[in-house]
Amino acid sequence: MVEDIVTVTKKGQATIPKKLREKHRITRKAIAVDTKDGVLLKAISDPLAEKGSLEELFSGTTSGRLVREARRDEIKKQKKLERRTAG
């Protein structure tokens, strides 16, 4: 665990050391959580930076196709359930 001393301004602002910002990918915003041990800062993922992160997993298809397939599967499950409860 890395610990570092930071200075807090009169306005309550603190600078997170660069090595910690980079390690945890903290860019513009973070979530501050009140814990029993103090304040915990948690990185907020940047959707633009994550863009394409699922590309390898879903290569060769589109989001529209994935949605259509999921809807078709849900319709099949719903009809199967209806048949069970009807008879």
C-alpha atoms as a PDB file:
ATOM      1  CA  MET A   1       0.000   0.000   0.000  1.00  0.00           C
ATOM      2  CA  VAL A   2       1.328   3.421  -0.954  1.00  0.00           C
ATOM      3  CA  GLU A   3       0.824   6.313   1.405  1.00  0.00           C
ATOM      4  CA  ASP A   4       1.631   9.931   0.719  1.00  0.00           C
ATOM      5  CA  ILE A   5       1.068  13.208   2.532  1.00  0.00           C
ATOM      6  CA  VAL A   6      -1.093  15.765   0.738  1.00  0.00           C
ATOM      7  CA  THR A   7      -1.820  19.372   1.565  1.00  0.00           C
ATOM      8  CA  VAL A   8      -5.404  20.499   1.899  1.00  0.00           C
ATOM      9  CA  THR A   9      -6.161  24.105   0.913  1.00  0.00           C
ATOM     10  CA  LYS A  10      -8.496  26.484   2.743  1.00  0.00           C
ATOM     11  CA  LYS A  11     -11.142  25.540   0.179  1.00  0.00           C
ATOM     12  CA  GLY A  12     -10.766  21.855   1.060  1.00  0.00           C
ATOM     13  CA  GLN A  13      -8.941  20.928  -2.132  1.00  0.00           C
ATOM     14  CA  ALA A  14      -6.203  18.312  -2.105  1.00  0.00           C
ATOM     15  CA  THR A  15      -3.916  17.196  -4.908  1.00  0.00           C
ATOM     16  CA  ILE A  16      -3.715  13.444  -5.378  1.00  0.00           C
ATOM     17  CA  PRO A  17      -0.090  12.494  -6.088  1.00  0.00           C
ATOM     18  CA  LYS A  18       0.568  11.766  -9.772  1.00  0.00           C
ATOM     19  CA  LYS A  19       1.727   8.186  -9.173  1.00  0.00           C
ATOM     20  CA  LEU A  20      -1.583   7.382  -7.429  1.00  0.00           C
ATOM     21  CA  ARG A  21      -3.688   9.162 -10.072  1.00  0.00           C
ATOM     22  CA  GLU A  22      -1.973   7.184 -12.802  1.00  0.00           C
ATOM     23  CA  LYS A  23      -2.101   3.863 -10.950  1.00  0.00           C
ATOM     24  CA  HIS A  24      -5.832   4.157 -10.268  1.00  0.00           C
ATOM     25  CA  ARG A  25      -6.683   6.010 -13.489  1.00  0.00           C
ATOM     26  CA  ILE A  26      -8.144   8.997 -11.704  1.00  0.00           C
ATOM     27  CA  THR A  27      -8.682  11.724 -14.271  1.00  0.00           C
ATOM     28  CA  ARG A  28     -11.188  14.508 -13.686  1.00  0.00           C
ATOM     29  CA  LYS A  29     -13.463  13.126 -10.963  1.00  0.00           C
ATOM     30  CA  ALA A  30     -13.456  10.582  -8.156  1.00  0.00           C
ATOM     31  CA  ILE A  31     -15.952   9.418  -5.570  1.00  0.00           C
ATOM     32  CA  ALA A  32     -15.206  10.369  -1.956  1.00  0.00           C
ATOM     33  CA  VAL A  33     -16.410   7.744   0.529  1.00  0.00           C
ATOM     34  CA  ASP A  34     -16.599   8.338   4.282  1.00  0.00           C
ATOM     35  CA  THR A  35     -15.188   5.231   6.013  1.00  0.00           C
ATOM     36  CA  LYS A  36     -14.383   4.403   9.635  1.00  0.00           C
ATOM     37  CA  ASP A  37     -10.678   4.842   8.780  1.00  0.00           C
ATOM     38  CA  GLY A  38     -11.069   8.165   6.938  1.00  0.00           C
ATOM     39  CA  VAL A  39     -11.878   9.335   3.440  1.00  0.00           C
ATOM     40  CA  LEU A  40     -11.491   6.868   0.582  1.00  0.00           C
ATOM     41  CA  LEU A  41     -11.225   8.178  -2.980  1.00  0.00           C
ATOM     42  CA  LYS A  42     -12.459   5.827  -5.693  1.00  0.00           C
ATOM     43  CA  ALA A  43     -11.827   6.337  -9.386  1.00  0.00           C
ATOM     44  CA  ILE A  44     -14.780   6.863 -11.697  1.00  0.00           C
ATOM     45  CA  SER A  45     -14.244   5.097 -15.002  1.00  0.00           C
ATOM     46  CA  ASP A  46     -14.319   7.322 -18.055  1.00  0.00           C
ATOM     47  CA  PRO A  47     -16.700   5.849 -20.662  1.00  0.00           C
ATOM     48  CA  LEU A  48     -14.747   7.464 -23.485  1.00  0.00           C
ATOM     49  CA  ALA A  49     -11.515   5.860 -22.286  1.00  0.00           C
ATOM     50  CA  GLU A  50     -13.264   2.501 -22.008  1.00  0.00           C
ATOM     51  CA  LYS A  51     -14.711   2.767 -25.521  1.00  0.00           C
ATOM     52  CA  GLY A  52     -14.013  -0.382 -27.455  1.00  0.00           C
ATOM     53  CA  SER A  53     -13.103  -2.417 -24.378  1.00  0.00           C
ATOM     54  CA  LEU A  54     -15.690  -5.071 -25.313  1.00  0.00           C
ATOM     55  CA  GLU A  55     -14.669  -5.138 -28.960  1.00  0.00           C
ATOM     56  CA  GLU A  56     -12.619  -8.319 -28.623  1.00  0.00           C
ATOM     57  CA  LEU A  57     -15.389 -10.101 -26.744  1.00  0.00           C
ATOM     58  CA  PHE A  58     -18.078  -9.214 -29.285  1.00  0.00           C
ATOM     59  CA  SER A  59     -16.023  -8.973 -32.471  1.00  0.00           C
ATOM     60  CA  GLY A  60     -17.877  -9.688 -35.684  1.00  0.00           C
ATOM     61  CA  THR A  61     -21.217  -8.388 -34.439  1.00  0.00           C
ATOM     62  CA  THR A  62     -22.986  -5.124 -33.687  1.00  0.00           C
ATOM     63  CA  SER A  63     -24.762  -3.831 -30.600  1.00  0.00           C
ATOM     64  CA  GLY A  64     -28.055  -3.893 -32.522  1.00  0.00           C
ATOM     65  CA  ARG A  65     -27.611  -7.553 -33.336  1.00  0.00           C
ATOM     66  CA  LEU A  66     -26.766  -8.373 -29.719  1.00  0.00           C
ATOM     67  CA  VAL A  67     -29.901  -6.574 -28.530  1.00  0.00           C
ATOM     68  CA  ARG A  68     -32.084  -8.381 -31.086  1.00  0.00           C
ATOM     69  CA  GLU A  69     -30.649 -11.748 -30.042  1.00  0.00           C
ATOM     70  CA  ALA A  70     -31.214 -10.965 -26.362  1.00  0.00           C
ATOM     71  CA  ARG A  71     -34.812  -9.919 -27.041  1.00  0.00           C
ATOM     72  CA  ARG A  72     -35.447 -13.071 -29.068  1.00  0.00           C
ATOM     73  CA  ASP A  73     -34.076 -15.204 -26.214  1.00  0.00           C
ATOM     74  CA  GLU A  74     -36.273 -13.387 -23.696  1.00  0.00           C
ATOM     75  CA  ILE A  75     -39.368 -13.910 -25.871  1.00  0.00           C
ATOM     76  CA  LYS A  76     -38.598 -17.644 -26.082  1.00  0.00           C
ATOM     77  CA  LYS A  77     -38.224 -17.840 -22.288  1.00  0.00           C
ATOM     78  CA  GLN A  78     -41.463 -15.914 -21.777  1.00  0.00           C
ATOM     79  CA  LYS A  79     -43.421 -18.211 -24.142  1.00  0.00           C
ATOM     80  CA  LYS A  80     -41.992 -21.301 -22.449  1.00  0.00           C
ATOM     81  CA  LEU A  81     -43.020 -19.934 -19.067  1.00  0.00           C
ATOM     82  CA  GLU A  82     -46.515 -19.111 -20.364  1.00  0.00           C
ATOM     83  CA  ARG A  83     -46.922 -22.674 -21.682  1.00  0.00           C
ATOM     84  CA  ARG A  84     -45.931 -24.109 -18.290  1.00  0.00           C
ATOM     85  CA  THR A  85     -48.340 -21.920 -16.348  1.00  0.00           C
ATOM     86  CA  ALA A  86     -51.209 -22.365 -18.833  1.00  0.00           C
ATOM     87  CA  GLY A  87     -51.302 -26.144 -18.648  1.00  0.00           C
END
